[in-house]
Amino acid sequence: MTSNNSIERTIKFADENNVAYGIKQVDGKPRVSSMEYLYDIAEGNIAGHIPWSKIGYNGDVDASTEDMIAQGGTYTFPEAAIKMDIVSSDDVDGKTLAPASTGARTVIIYGLSTDFSEISETITLDGTTPVETTNSYYRINNMRVATAGTGGKAAGNITLSEANGTTYKYGYIVLGQTRMRQCVWTVPKDKTLYVTSISFAVGGATKEKVAVFTTLAKYDNKAYAVLDFFMAYNEVVIEDEAYTRQLEVPTKLGSGVDLKVQVRGLVADCVCTCSLRGWVEDN
């Protein structure tokens, strides 16, 4: 960890082809870590790096292909930046019954604008009455309960959809939860995402639940090009178990790249979860 008065600089070198490379230094000393790199990031010791994780849940996957989103089905990204409505299925969520309300009261929405800049806002819920966002969102990256009553969680299903439009769910917090559980994310402007581990699990009320999990991104790592369609990166078939893998080489995705996890059930009534972890780095 460096002090606030430390100066970080990079010493430039060149290889035999005169291609420049550098060794970052702090106060004239090479920047090295005495612990695992990810631990240093988690402790906040490396400037411009923050830990990153996404969890996904789909509680009813049949013999079909869906995305790892709590609302089920296939996720569709907005085609343009739009204002959205947030609403609960239960009046206990929001200001209507405050301070006696036991449900969620405020929710933070994290998203991106048209140029992929990060934007966010805190919304005070109004139960089953929709509340319109101030921002217009091109992407929704996260949604979390910020404050709640004595129940400490959402009393109803909290839905984020197009304002005064369709009921399609761009964000969804299941009743009894405090955060959105959809493994869908877009890399913000001037950021790079490094995915270092993947975890998948499938089960159900009965045995012999089998599913195929696939991580997808709109990026071709061979052509180094952002795409308008998804390319597969990791794929695993599991039955009645959990699978976790540390990626020997992290998956690197740049600004504006959409990422998601897809699941295909091979039998009916699969309950599926997933988790991706890594870090986000300033460009």
C-alpha atoms as a PDB file:
ATOM      1  CA  MET A   1       0.000   0.000   0.000  1.00  0.00           C
ATOM      2  CA  THR A   2       1.334   3.439  -0.880  1.00  0.00           C
ATOM      3  CA  SER A   3       0.827   6.686   0.989  1.00  0.00           C
ATOM      4  CA  ASN A   4      -1.198   9.543  -0.461  1.00  0.00           C
ATOM      5  CA  ASN A   5       2.064  11.401  -1.086  1.00  0.00           C
ATOM      6  CA  SER A   6       3.647   8.579  -3.073  1.00  0.00           C
ATOM      7  CA  ILE A   7       4.270   9.148  -6.764  1.00  0.00           C
ATOM      8  CA  GLU A   8       3.514   6.302  -9.157  1.00  0.00           C
ATOM      9  CA  ARG A   9       5.374   6.305 -12.469  1.00  0.00           C
ATOM     10  CA  THR A  10       6.202   3.902 -15.260  1.00  0.00           C
ATOM     11  CA  ILE A  11       9.752   3.422 -16.578  1.00  0.00           C
ATOM     12  CA  LYS A  12       9.696   2.740 -20.294  1.00  0.00           C
ATOM     13  CA  PHE A  13      11.862   0.113 -21.980  1.00  0.00           C
ATOM     14  CA  ALA A  14      11.936  -1.243 -25.515  1.00  0.00           C
ATOM     15  CA  ASP A  15      12.445  -4.760 -26.849  1.00  0.00           C
ATOM     16  CA  GLU A  16      14.581  -5.790 -29.814  1.00  0.00           C
ATOM     17  CA  ASN A  17      11.832  -4.577 -32.170  1.00  0.00           C
ATOM     18  CA  ASN A  18      11.753  -1.181 -30.427  1.00  0.00           C
ATOM     19  CA  VAL A  19       8.298  -1.936 -28.971  1.00  0.00           C
ATOM     20  CA  ALA A  20       7.892  -0.047 -25.718  1.00  0.00           C
ATOM     21  CA  TYR A  21       6.959  -1.701 -22.472  1.00  0.00           C
ATOM     22  CA  GLY A  22       7.151  -0.494 -18.900  1.00  0.00           C
ATOM     23  CA  ILE A  23       7.688  -1.403 -15.298  1.00  0.00           C
ATOM     24  CA  LYS A  24       5.398   0.515 -12.955  1.00  0.00           C
ATOM     25  CA  GLN A  25       7.170   2.102 -10.034  1.00  0.00           C
ATOM     26  CA  VAL A  26       6.147   3.799  -6.801  1.00  0.00           C
ATOM     27  CA  ASP A  27       8.690   6.233  -5.318  1.00  0.00           C
ATOM     28  CA  GLY A  28      11.375   4.836  -7.585  1.00  0.00           C
ATOM     29  CA  LYS A  29      10.765   1.215  -6.599  1.00  0.00           C
ATOM     30  CA  PRO A  30       9.240  -1.480  -8.863  1.00  0.00           C
ATOM     31  CA  ARG A  31       5.587  -2.089  -7.976  1.00  0.00           C
ATOM     32  CA  VAL A  32       5.505  -5.676  -6.731  1.00  0.00           C
ATOM     33  CA  SER A  33       3.121  -7.607  -4.502  1.00  0.00           C
ATOM     34  CA  SER A  34       4.066  -9.850  -1.618  1.00  0.00           C
ATOM     35  CA  MET A  35       0.655 -11.537  -1.724  1.00  0.00           C
ATOM     36  CA  GLU A  36      -1.635 -12.922  -4.407  1.00  0.00           C
ATOM     37  CA  TYR A  37      -2.606 -10.247  -6.926  1.00  0.00           C
ATOM     38  CA  LEU A  38      -6.350 -10.686  -6.339  1.00  0.00           C
ATOM     39  CA  TYR A  39      -5.873 -10.331  -2.581  1.00  0.00           C
ATOM     40  CA  ASP A  40      -4.065  -7.040  -3.153  1.00  0.00           C
ATOM     41  CA  ILE A  41      -6.978  -5.861  -5.302  1.00  0.00           C
ATOM     42  CA  ALA A  42      -9.492  -6.919  -2.626  1.00  0.00           C
ATOM     43  CA  GLU A  43      -7.572  -4.936  -0.004  1.00  0.00           C
ATOM     44  CA  GLY A  44      -7.554  -1.838  -2.205  1.00  0.00           C
ATOM     45  CA  ASN A  45      -3.782  -1.818  -2.550  1.00  0.00           C
ATOM     46  CA  ILE A  46      -3.694  -1.449  -6.347  1.00  0.00           C
ATOM     47  CA  ALA A  47      -4.876   1.854  -7.776  1.00  0.00           C
ATOM     48  CA  GLY A  48      -7.495   1.699 -10.539  1.00  0.00           C
ATOM     49  CA  HIS A  49      -8.510  -1.894  -9.729  1.00  0.00           C
ATOM     50  CA  ILE A  50     -11.734  -2.980  -8.007  1.00  0.00           C
ATOM     51  CA  PRO A  51     -13.054  -6.488  -7.218  1.00  0.00           C
ATOM     52  CA  TRP A  52     -15.938  -7.637  -9.424  1.00  0.00           C
ATOM     53  CA  SER A  53     -18.537 -10.389  -9.136  1.00  0.00           C
ATOM     54  CA  LYS A  54     -21.867 -11.309 -10.690  1.00  0.00           C
ATOM     55  CA  ILE A  55     -24.333 -13.908  -9.446  1.00  0.00           C
ATOM     56  CA  GLY A  56     -27.164 -15.460 -11.387  1.00  0.00           C
ATOM     57  CA  TYR A  57     -30.198 -17.536 -10.485  1.00  0.00           C
ATOM     58  CA  ASN A  58     -32.903 -19.259 -12.513  1.00  0.00           C
ATOM     59  CA  GLY A  59     -35.226 -21.407 -10.450  1.00  0.00           C
ATOM     60  CA  ASP A  60     -37.160 -23.095 -13.251  1.00  0.00           C
ATOM     61  CA  VAL A  61     -35.180 -24.190 -16.304  1.00  0.00           C
ATOM     62  CA  ASP A  62     -36.835 -26.846 -18.424  1.00  0.00           C
ATOM     63  CA  ALA A  63     -35.534 -28.600 -21.553  1.00  0.00           C
ATOM     64  CA  SER A  64     -34.886 -25.261 -23.253  1.00  0.00           C
ATOM     65  CA  THR A  65     -32.335 -22.447 -23.348  1.00  0.00           C
ATOM     66  CA  GLU A  66     -32.639 -19.510 -20.959  1.00  0.00           C
ATOM     67  CA  ASP A  67     -30.376 -16.923 -19.368  1.00  0.00           C
ATOM     68  CA  MET A  68     -29.222 -16.935 -15.762  1.00  0.00           C
ATOM     69  CA  ILE A  69     -31.737 -14.338 -14.611  1.00  0.00           C
ATOM     70  CA  ALA A  70     -34.159 -14.648 -11.702  1.00  0.00           C
ATOM     71  CA  GLN A  71     -37.135 -13.581 -13.836  1.00  0.00           C
ATOM     72  CA  GLY A  72     -36.492 -16.479 -16.211  1.00  0.00           C
ATOM     73  CA  GLY A  73     -36.450 -16.535 -20.008  1.00  0.00           C
ATOM     74  CA  THR A  74     -33.952 -14.771 -22.267  1.00  0.00           C
ATOM     75  CA  TYR A  75     -32.568 -11.342 -21.438  1.00  0.00           C
ATOM     76  CA  THR A  76     -32.956  -8.577 -24.036  1.00  0.00           C
ATOM     77  CA  PHE A  77     -30.763  -5.483 -23.820  1.00  0.00           C
ATOM     78  CA  PRO A  78     -32.368  -2.066 -24.398  1.00  0.00           C
ATOM     79  CA  GLU A  79     -31.910  -0.838 -27.978  1.00  0.00           C
ATOM     80  CA  ALA A  80     -31.577   2.773 -26.812  1.00  0.00           C
ATOM     81  CA  ALA A  81     -31.239   4.696 -23.569  1.00  0.00           C
ATOM     82  CA  ILE A  82     -34.665   4.798 -21.902  1.00  0.00           C
ATOM     83  CA  LYS A  83     -36.243   5.895 -18.675  1.00  0.00           C
ATOM     84  CA  MET A  84     -37.584   3.038 -16.593  1.00  0.00           C
ATOM     85  CA  ASP A  85     -40.267   2.337 -14.020  1.00  0.00           C
ATOM     86  CA  ILE A  86     -39.533   0.502 -10.783  1.00  0.00           C
ATOM     87  CA  VAL A  87     -42.425  -1.105  -8.909  1.00  0.00           C
ATOM     88  CA  SER A  88     -43.084  -3.809  -6.327  1.00  0.00           C
ATOM     89  CA  SER A  89     -45.787  -6.449  -6.295  1.00  0.00           C
ATOM     90  CA  ASP A  90     -46.403  -5.628  -2.606  1.00  0.00           C
ATOM     91  CA  ASP A  91     -47.342  -2.283  -1.032  1.00  0.00           C
ATOM     92  CA  VAL A  92     -45.179  -3.156   1.967  1.00  0.00           C
ATOM     93  CA  ASP A  93     -42.171  -2.118  -0.147  1.00  0.00           C
ATOM     94  CA  GLY A  94     -41.759   1.649  -0.100  1.00  0.00           C
ATOM     95  CA  LYS A  95     -42.751   4.821   1.630  1.00  0.00           C
ATOM     96  CA  THR A  96     -46.508   4.174   1.800  1.00  0.00           C
ATOM     97  CA  LEU A  97     -46.377   2.462   5.178  1.00  0.00           C
ATOM     98  CA  ALA A  98     -43.175   4.059   6.478  1.00  0.00           C
ATOM     99  CA  PRO A  99     -41.963   4.021   9.169  1.00  0.00           C
ATOM    100  CA  ALA A 100     -43.996   0.894   9.917  1.00  0.00           C
ATOM    101  CA  SER A 101     -43.074  -0.697   6.565  1.00  0.00           C
ATOM    102  CA  THR A 102     -41.050  -3.892   6.950  1.00  0.00           C
ATOM    103  CA  GLY A 103     -40.052  -4.273   3.304  1.00  0.00           C
ATOM    104  CA  ALA A 104     -37.545  -2.588   0.999  1.00  0.00           C
ATOM    105  CA  ARG A 105     -37.725   1.207   1.055  1.00  0.00           C
ATOM    106  CA  THR A 106     -35.067   2.459  -1.336  1.00  0.00           C
ATOM    107  CA  VAL A 107     -33.244   0.766  -4.196  1.00  0.00           C
ATOM    108  CA  ILE A 108     -30.017   1.765  -5.960  1.00  0.00           C
ATOM    109  CA  ILE A 109     -29.893   1.244  -9.718  1.00  0.00           C
ATOM    110  CA  TYR A 110     -26.470   0.962 -11.383  1.00  0.00           C
ATOM    111  CA  GLY A 111     -26.353   1.276 -15.153  1.00  0.00           C
ATOM    112  CA  LEU A 112     -24.720   2.789 -18.220  1.00  0.00           C
ATOM    113  CA  SER A 113     -25.605   5.640 -20.531  1.00  0.00           C
ATOM    114  CA  THR A 114     -25.446   5.445 -24.338  1.00  0.00           C
ATOM    115  CA  ASP A 115     -21.672   5.988 -24.378  1.00  0.00           C
ATOM    116  CA  PHE A 116     -21.273   3.320 -21.656  1.00  0.00           C
ATOM    117  CA  SER A 117     -20.502   5.871 -18.917  1.00  0.00           C
ATOM    118  CA  GLU A 118     -21.497   4.683 -15.447  1.00  0.00           C
ATOM    119  CA  ILE A 119     -24.656   6.233 -13.998  1.00  0.00           C
ATOM    120  CA  SER A 120     -26.691   5.421 -10.909  1.00  0.00           C
ATOM    121  CA  GLU A 121     -29.526   6.700  -8.752  1.00  0.00           C
ATOM    122  CA  THR A 122     -31.421   5.866  -5.587  1.00  0.00           C
ATOM    123  CA  ILE A 123     -35.183   5.380  -5.920  1.00  0.00           C
ATOM    124  CA  THR A 124     -37.695   5.525  -3.076  1.00  0.00           C
ATOM    125  CA  LEU A 125     -40.242   2.806  -3.745  1.00  0.00           C
ATOM    126  CA  ASP A 126     -43.973   3.475  -3.664  1.00  0.00           C
ATOM    127  CA  GLY A 127     -45.299  -0.050  -3.288  1.00  0.00           C
ATOM    128  CA  THR A 128     -47.384  -1.152  -6.269  1.00  0.00           C
ATOM    129  CA  THR A 129     -47.294   2.340  -7.805  1.00  0.00           C
ATOM    130  CA  PRO A 130     -44.517   2.649 -10.437  1.00  0.00           C
ATOM    131  CA  VAL A 131     -41.796   5.241  -9.851  1.00  0.00           C
ATOM    132  CA  GLU A 132     -39.969   6.600 -12.905  1.00  0.00           C
ATOM    133  CA  THR A 133     -36.196   6.887 -12.984  1.00  0.00           C
ATOM    134  CA  THR A 134     -34.478  10.233 -13.449  1.00  0.00           C
ATOM    135  CA  ASN A 135     -31.756   8.740 -15.656  1.00  0.00           C
ATOM    136  CA  SER A 136     -32.174   7.148 -19.061  1.00  0.00           C
ATOM    137  CA  TYR A 137     -30.440   3.750 -19.110  1.00  0.00           C
ATOM    138  CA  TYR A 138     -28.817   1.948 -22.021  1.00  0.00           C
ATOM    139  CA  ARG A 139     -27.657  -0.903 -19.802  1.00  0.00           C
ATOM    140  CA  ILE A 140     -28.609  -2.131 -16.318  1.00  0.00           C
ATOM    141  CA  ASN A 141     -25.655  -3.659 -14.471  1.00  0.00           C
ATOM    142  CA  ASN A 142     -26.992  -3.988 -10.947  1.00  0.00           C
ATOM    143  CA  MET A 143     -29.898  -3.207  -8.632  1.00  0.00           C
ATOM    144  CA  ARG A 144     -29.768  -3.474  -4.834  1.00  0.00           C
ATOM    145  CA  VAL A 145     -31.902  -2.668  -1.836  1.00  0.00           C
ATOM    146  CA  ALA A 146     -30.306   0.341  -0.127  1.00  0.00           C
ATOM    147  CA  THR A 147     -32.578   0.688   2.916  1.00  0.00           C
ATOM    148  CA  ALA A 148     -35.286  -1.562   4.334  1.00  0.00           C
ATOM    149  CA  GLY A 149     -37.648  -1.886   7.248  1.00  0.00           C
ATOM    150  CA  THR A 150     -37.447  -4.472  10.019  1.00  0.00           C
ATOM    151  CA  GLY A 151     -37.861  -7.319   7.510  1.00  0.00           C
ATOM    152  CA  GLY A 152     -34.512  -6.429   5.973  1.00  0.00           C
ATOM    153  CA  LYS A 153     -35.549  -7.564   2.478  1.00  0.00           C
ATOM    154  CA  ALA A 154     -38.022  -7.060  -0.336  1.00  0.00           C
ATOM    155  CA  ALA A 155     -41.587  -7.993   0.566  1.00  0.00           C
ATOM    156  CA  GLY A 156     -42.623  -8.335  -3.077  1.00  0.00           C
ATOM    157  CA  ASN A 157     -41.028  -8.853  -6.467  1.00  0.00           C
ATOM    158  CA  ILE A 158     -39.363  -5.580  -7.497  1.00  0.00           C
ATOM    159  CA  THR A 159     -39.405  -5.024 -11.251  1.00  0.00           C
ATOM    160  CA  LEU A 160     -37.491  -2.540 -13.398  1.00  0.00           C
ATOM    161  CA  SER A 161     -39.050  -2.085 -16.855  1.00  0.00           C
ATOM    162  CA  GLU A 162     -39.482   0.513 -19.589  1.00  0.00           C
ATOM    163  CA  ALA A 163     -41.320   3.608 -18.334  1.00  0.00           C
ATOM    164  CA  ASN A 164     -44.971   3.671 -19.411  1.00  0.00           C
ATOM    165  CA  GLY A 165     -44.208   0.858 -21.793  1.00  0.00           C
ATOM    166  CA  THR A 166     -43.789  -2.875 -21.787  1.00  0.00           C
ATOM    167  CA  THR A 167     -43.620  -5.026 -18.694  1.00  0.00           C
ATOM    168  CA  TYR A 168     -40.353  -6.592 -19.879  1.00  0.00           C
ATOM    169  CA  LYS A 169     -37.989  -6.882 -16.910  1.00  0.00           C
ATOM    170  CA  TYR A 170     -34.580  -5.226 -17.359  1.00  0.00           C
ATOM    171  CA  GLY A 171     -33.953  -5.701 -13.635  1.00  0.00           C
ATOM    172  CA  TYR A 172     -35.624  -7.908 -11.044  1.00  0.00           C
ATOM    173  CA  ILE A 173     -35.285  -8.483  -7.303  1.00  0.00           C
ATOM    174  CA  VAL A 174     -37.188 -11.552  -6.118  1.00  0.00           C
ATOM    175  CA  LEU A 175     -39.301 -11.214  -2.979  1.00  0.00           C
ATOM    176  CA  GLY A 176     -37.285 -12.130   0.070  1.00  0.00           C
ATOM    177  CA  GLN A 177     -34.030 -10.967  -1.577  1.00  0.00           C
ATOM    178  CA  THR A 178     -31.971  -7.772  -1.424  1.00  0.00           C
ATOM    179  CA  ARG A 179     -30.190  -7.711  -4.790  1.00  0.00           C
ATOM    180  CA  MET A 180     -30.726  -8.460  -8.444  1.00  0.00           C
ATOM    181  CA  ARG A 181     -29.520 -11.949  -9.346  1.00  0.00           C
ATOM    182  CA  GLN A 182     -28.980 -11.837 -13.084  1.00  0.00           C
ATOM    183  CA  CYS A 183     -25.631 -12.766 -14.588  1.00  0.00           C
ATOM    184  CA  VAL A 184     -25.782 -10.069 -17.265  1.00  0.00           C
ATOM    185  CA  TRP A 185     -23.259  -7.209 -17.351  1.00  0.00           C
ATOM    186  CA  THR A 186     -21.711  -4.650 -19.705  1.00  0.00           C
ATOM    187  CA  VAL A 187     -18.172  -3.305 -19.332  1.00  0.00           C
ATOM    188  CA  PRO A 188     -18.273   0.473 -18.640  1.00  0.00           C
ATOM    189  CA  LYS A 189     -16.463   3.166 -20.581  1.00  0.00           C
ATOM    190  CA  ASP A 190     -12.687   3.352 -20.002  1.00  0.00           C
ATOM    191  CA  LYS A 191     -12.727   0.054 -18.092  1.00  0.00           C
ATOM    192  CA  THR A 192     -11.478  -3.481 -18.742  1.00  0.00           C
ATOM    193  CA  LEU A 193     -12.981  -6.571 -17.112  1.00  0.00           C
ATOM    194  CA  TYR A 194     -10.883  -9.609 -16.197  1.00  0.00           C
ATOM    195  CA  VAL A 195     -12.912 -12.729 -15.299  1.00  0.00           C
ATOM    196  CA  THR A 196     -10.811 -15.057 -13.147  1.00  0.00           C
ATOM    197  CA  SER A 197     -13.261 -17.747 -11.999  1.00  0.00           C
ATOM    198  CA  ILE A 198     -16.573 -19.345 -12.942  1.00  0.00           C
ATOM    199  CA  SER A 199     -19.009 -21.319 -10.790  1.00  0.00           C
ATOM    200  CA  PHE A 200     -22.162 -23.185 -11.857  1.00  0.00           C
ATOM    201  CA  ALA A 201     -24.605 -25.451 -10.022  1.00  0.00           C
ATOM    202  CA  VAL A 202     -27.758 -27.383 -10.882  1.00  0.00           C
ATOM    203  CA  GLY A 203     -30.211 -29.331  -8.716  1.00  0.00           C
ATOM    204  CA  GLY A 204     -33.883 -29.716  -8.034  1.00  0.00           C
ATOM    205  CA  ALA A 205     -36.588 -31.362  -5.972  1.00  0.00           C
ATOM    206  CA  THR A 206     -35.679 -34.686  -7.579  1.00  0.00           C
ATOM    207  CA  LYS A 207     -32.377 -36.122  -8.770  1.00  0.00           C
ATOM    208  CA  GLU A 208     -30.907 -36.375 -12.288  1.00  0.00           C
ATOM    209  CA  LYS A 209     -31.063 -32.652 -13.066  1.00  0.00           C
ATOM    210  CA  VAL A 210     -28.692 -31.915 -15.936  1.00  0.00           C
ATOM    211  CA  ALA A 211     -27.861 -28.558 -17.530  1.00  0.00           C
ATOM    212  CA  VAL A 212     -25.348 -26.987 -19.908  1.00  0.00           C
ATOM    213  CA  PHE A 213     -23.887 -23.654 -18.750  1.00  0.00           C
ATOM    214  CA  THR A 214     -22.196 -21.291 -21.207  1.00  0.00           C
ATOM    215  CA  THR A 215     -20.501 -17.935 -20.637  1.00  0.00           C
ATOM    216  CA  LEU A 216     -21.025 -15.611 -23.588  1.00  0.00           C
ATOM    217  CA  ALA A 217     -19.649 -12.221 -24.603  1.00  0.00           C
ATOM    218  CA  LYS A 218     -20.083  -9.938 -27.591  1.00  0.00           C
ATOM    219  CA  TYR A 219     -16.366 -10.040 -28.269  1.00  0.00           C
ATOM    220  CA  ASP A 220     -14.063 -12.041 -30.550  1.00  0.00           C
ATOM    221  CA  ASN A 221     -10.809 -12.621 -28.681  1.00  0.00           C
ATOM    222  CA  LYS A 222      -9.097 -13.783 -31.893  1.00  0.00           C
ATOM    223  CA  ALA A 223     -10.002 -10.758 -34.020  1.00  0.00           C
ATOM    224  CA  TYR A 224      -9.913  -8.396 -30.997  1.00  0.00           C
ATOM    225  CA  ALA A 225     -13.271  -7.012 -32.096  1.00  0.00           C
ATOM    226  CA  VAL A 226     -16.501  -6.041 -30.339  1.00  0.00           C
ATOM    227  CA  LEU A 227     -19.429  -7.912 -31.921  1.00  0.00           C
ATOM    228  CA  ASP A 228     -23.172  -7.390 -32.216  1.00  0.00           C
ATOM    229  CA  PHE A 229     -23.750 -11.066 -31.351  1.00  0.00           C
ATOM    230  CA  PHE A 230     -22.548 -13.415 -28.610  1.00  0.00           C
ATOM    231  CA  MET A 231     -19.472 -15.651 -28.728  1.00  0.00           C
ATOM    232  CA  ALA A 232     -19.072 -18.621 -26.344  1.00  0.00           C
ATOM    233  CA  TYR A 233     -16.134 -18.624 -23.908  1.00  0.00           C
ATOM    234  CA  ASN A 234     -16.640 -21.397 -21.332  1.00  0.00           C
ATOM    235  CA  GLU A 235     -19.064 -24.321 -21.420  1.00  0.00           C
ATOM    236  CA  VAL A 236     -19.770 -26.970 -18.791  1.00  0.00           C
ATOM    237  CA  VAL A 237     -22.267 -29.838 -18.515  1.00  0.00           C
ATOM    238  CA  ILE A 238     -23.111 -30.833 -14.935  1.00  0.00           C
ATOM    239  CA  GLU A 239     -25.596 -33.117 -13.206  1.00  0.00           C
ATOM    240  CA  ASP A 240     -26.828 -32.618  -9.643  1.00  0.00           C
ATOM    241  CA  GLU A 241     -23.675 -30.824  -8.520  1.00  0.00           C
ATOM    242  CA  ALA A 242     -21.670 -27.626  -8.397  1.00  0.00           C
ATOM    243  CA  TYR A 243     -18.667 -26.825 -10.571  1.00  0.00           C
ATOM    244  CA  THR A 244     -16.010 -24.173  -9.887  1.00  0.00           C
ATOM    245  CA  ARG A 245     -12.973 -23.379 -11.979  1.00  0.00           C
ATOM    246  CA  GLN A 246     -10.164 -20.874 -11.652  1.00  0.00           C
ATOM    247  CA  LEU A 247      -9.268 -19.606 -15.126  1.00  0.00           C
ATOM    248  CA  GLU A 248      -5.544 -20.076 -15.777  1.00  0.00           C
ATOM    249  CA  VAL A 249      -5.701 -17.130 -18.179  1.00  0.00           C
ATOM    250  CA  PRO A 250      -8.373 -14.576 -17.201  1.00  0.00           C
ATOM    251  CA  THR A 251     -10.987 -13.674 -19.798  1.00  0.00           C
ATOM    252  CA  LYS A 252     -10.309 -10.065 -20.846  1.00  0.00           C
ATOM    253  CA  LEU A 253     -13.235  -7.927 -22.061  1.00  0.00           C
ATOM    254  CA  GLY A 254     -13.076  -4.245 -22.978  1.00  0.00           C
ATOM    255  CA  SER A 255     -15.401  -1.271 -22.758  1.00  0.00           C
ATOM    256  CA  GLY A 256     -18.880  -1.721 -24.223  1.00  0.00           C
ATOM    257  CA  VAL A 257     -18.779  -5.524 -24.297  1.00  0.00           C
ATOM    258  CA  ASP A 258     -21.952  -7.321 -23.165  1.00  0.00           C
ATOM    259  CA  LEU A 259     -21.500 -10.457 -21.049  1.00  0.00           C
ATOM    260  CA  LYS A 260     -23.988 -13.057 -19.850  1.00  0.00           C
ATOM    261  CA  VAL A 261     -24.369 -16.675 -18.716  1.00  0.00           C
ATOM    262  CA  GLN A 262     -26.772 -18.946 -20.568  1.00  0.00           C
ATOM    263  CA  VAL A 263     -28.176 -22.272 -19.385  1.00  0.00           C
ATOM    264  CA  ARG A 264     -29.796 -25.102 -21.319  1.00  0.00           C
ATOM    265  CA  GLY A 265     -31.706 -27.666 -19.301  1.00  0.00           C
ATOM    266  CA  LEU A 266     -31.604 -31.242 -20.557  1.00  0.00           C
ATOM    267  CA  VAL A 267     -34.559 -32.185 -18.340  1.00  0.00           C
ATOM    268  CA  ALA A 268     -37.413 -30.248 -16.753  1.00  0.00           C
ATOM    269  CA  ASP A 269     -37.504 -28.361 -13.443  1.00  0.00           C
ATOM    270  CA  CYS A 270     -33.812 -27.540 -13.035  1.00  0.00           C
ATOM    271  CA  VAL A 271     -32.816 -25.031 -10.336  1.00  0.00           C
ATOM    272  CA  CYS A 272     -29.630 -23.281 -11.488  1.00  0.00           C
ATOM    273  CA  THR A 273     -27.162 -20.825  -9.974  1.00  0.00           C
ATOM    274  CA  CYS A 274     -23.918 -19.276 -11.182  1.00  0.00           C
ATOM    275  CA  SER A 275     -21.193 -16.875 -10.148  1.00  0.00           C
ATOM    276  CA  LEU A 276     -18.443 -15.059 -12.061  1.00  0.00           C
ATOM    277  CA  ARG A 277     -15.586 -13.281 -10.293  1.00  0.00           C
ATOM    278  CA  GLY A 278     -12.625 -11.139 -11.233  1.00  0.00           C
ATOM    279  CA  TRP A 279     -11.674  -7.488 -11.287  1.00  0.00           C
ATOM    280  CA  VAL A 280     -12.364  -4.282 -13.221  1.00  0.00           C
ATOM    281  CA  GLU A 281      -9.375  -2.125 -14.171  1.00  0.00           C
ATOM    282  CA  ASP A 282      -9.164   1.496 -15.325  1.00  0.00           C
ATOM    283  CA  ASN A 283      -7.795   1.826 -18.854  1.00  0.00           C
END
